[in-house]
Protein backbone atom coordinates (compact mmCIF):
# COMPACT_ATOMS: atom_id res chain seq x y z
CA MET A 1 24.61 -5.46 16.77
CA PHE A 2 21.02 -4.98 15.59
CA PHE A 3 19.15 -7.44 13.43
CA PHE A 4 16.35 -6.12 11.27
CA LYS A 5 13.51 -8.31 10.15
CA LYS A 6 12.90 -7.91 6.43
CA LEU A 7 9.41 -6.74 5.60
CA PRO A 8 7.42 -8.79 3.10
CA SER A 9 7.10 -6.92 -0.15
CA ILE A 10 6.04 -7.27 -3.77
CA THR A 11 6.64 -5.24 -6.90
CA THR A 12 3.99 -3.10 -8.56
CA LYS A 13 4.03 -5.57 -11.48
CA GLU A 14 3.27 -8.46 -9.11
CA LEU A 15 0.43 -6.47 -7.56
CA GLU A 16 -0.99 -5.65 -10.99
CA GLU A 17 -1.00 -9.38 -11.85
CA MET A 18 -2.99 -10.04 -8.64
CA LEU A 19 -5.77 -7.52 -9.44
CA PRO A 20 -8.18 -10.13 -10.91
CA LYS A 21 -8.21 -11.78 -7.44
CA LYS A 22 -9.25 -8.42 -5.88
CA PRO A 23 -6.54 -8.03 -3.22
CA MET A 24 -7.13 -5.47 -0.44
CA ILE A 25 -4.96 -2.47 -1.39
CA ILE A 26 -4.46 0.39 1.05
CA ASP A 27 -3.04 3.67 -0.27
CA VAL A 28 -1.56 5.57 2.70
CA ARG A 29 -1.12 8.92 0.94
CA GLU A 30 -3.09 11.99 1.97
CA PRO A 31 -6.57 12.38 0.36
CA GLN A 32 -5.45 15.10 -2.05
CA GLU A 33 -2.57 12.90 -3.27
CA PHE A 34 -4.91 9.90 -3.57
CA SER A 35 -7.43 11.90 -5.64
CA GLY A 36 -4.59 12.87 -7.97
CA GLY A 37 -4.43 9.27 -9.20
CA HIS A 38 -4.70 5.86 -7.52
CA ILE A 39 -5.18 2.17 -8.24
CA PRO A 40 -8.92 1.79 -9.00
CA THR A 41 -9.60 -0.76 -6.23
CA ALA A 42 -7.42 0.91 -3.57
CA LYS A 43 -8.85 2.26 -0.34
CA ASN A 44 -7.40 5.50 1.02
CA ILE A 45 -6.30 5.41 4.65
CA PRO A 46 -3.72 8.14 5.30
CA LEU A 47 -0.57 7.05 7.13
CA LYS A 48 -1.49 9.12 10.20
CA LYS A 49 -4.72 7.05 10.56
CA ILE A 50 -3.29 3.61 9.77
CA ASN A 51 -2.92 2.68 13.44
CA SER A 52 -6.71 2.43 13.82
CA TYR A 53 -7.12 0.13 10.77
CA GLN A 54 -8.12 -3.50 11.41
CA THR A 55 -8.56 -6.45 9.05
CA LYS A 56 -8.18 -10.20 9.06
CA GLU A 57 -7.30 -10.47 5.37
CA PRO A 58 -3.91 -9.74 3.78
CA VAL A 59 -3.39 -6.10 2.79
CA TYR A 60 -1.04 -4.55 0.27
CA ILE A 61 0.22 -1.12 1.28
CA ILE A 62 1.24 1.50 -1.29
CA TYR A 63 2.54 5.06 -1.03
CA GLN A 64 3.99 7.49 -3.59
CA SER A 65 7.54 6.08 -3.56
CA GLY A 66 7.29 3.11 -1.20
CA MET A 67 9.11 4.59 1.79
CA ARG A 68 6.17 5.48 4.03
CA SER A 69 4.34 2.32 3.08
CA LYS A 70 7.10 0.44 4.91
CA GLN A 71 6.24 2.39 8.05
CA ALA A 72 2.56 1.46 7.65
CA VAL A 73 3.45 -2.21 7.10
CA LYS A 74 5.53 -2.22 10.30
CA THR A 75 2.63 -0.68 12.23
CA LEU A 76 0.08 -3.19 10.93
CA ARG A 77 2.35 -6.22 11.34
CA ALA A 78 3.03 -5.18 14.95
CA LYS A 79 -0.73 -5.47 15.45
CA GLY A 80 -0.67 -9.00 14.03
CA MET A 81 -1.97 -8.22 10.52
CA ASP A 82 -0.68 -9.70 7.29
CA ALA A 83 0.57 -6.51 5.60
CA VAL A 84 2.79 -6.42 2.52
CA ASN A 85 4.75 -3.45 1.18
CA VAL A 86 4.44 -2.51 -2.50
CA LYS A 87 7.98 -1.63 -3.62
CA GLY A 88 8.38 1.50 -5.71
CA GLY A 89 4.93 2.81 -4.83
CA MET A 90 2.75 4.76 -7.23
CA MET A 91 5.86 6.15 -8.93
CA SER A 92 6.45 2.62 -10.28
CA TRP A 93 2.80 1.77 -10.99
CA ALA A 94 2.19 1.22 -14.71
CA GLY A 95 -1.37 -0.13 -14.48
CA LYS A 96 -4.72 1.62 -14.67
CA VAL A 97 -5.26 4.67 -12.49
CA ARG A 98 -8.47 6.31 -11.31
CA GLY A 99 -8.60 10.05 -10.71
CA GLY A 100 -5.99 12.58 -11.64
CA LYS A 101 -5.79 14.75 -14.71
CA LEU A 102 -7.30 13.60 -17.96
């Protein structure tokens, strides 16, 4: 039998409430998706490049729906980083967005 370790995660609402504290947010979508609309303080590091990312501070990982952000969180946590998945991804985000169509 396999035992899976649950990944730490927060909701988009919880992340939005944290914005005044300026958390490090990494959006792992491709650049064209990111430019279509993202959280104003988020940094874009596509999933295929996440393995080279390094930080000592906690990071909150977001994707379009939340599925690929889990993969990024697993990768970063395996490297010893404090990475947290944002459940629901940008599809659930109700806060301010930069970019996209006006």
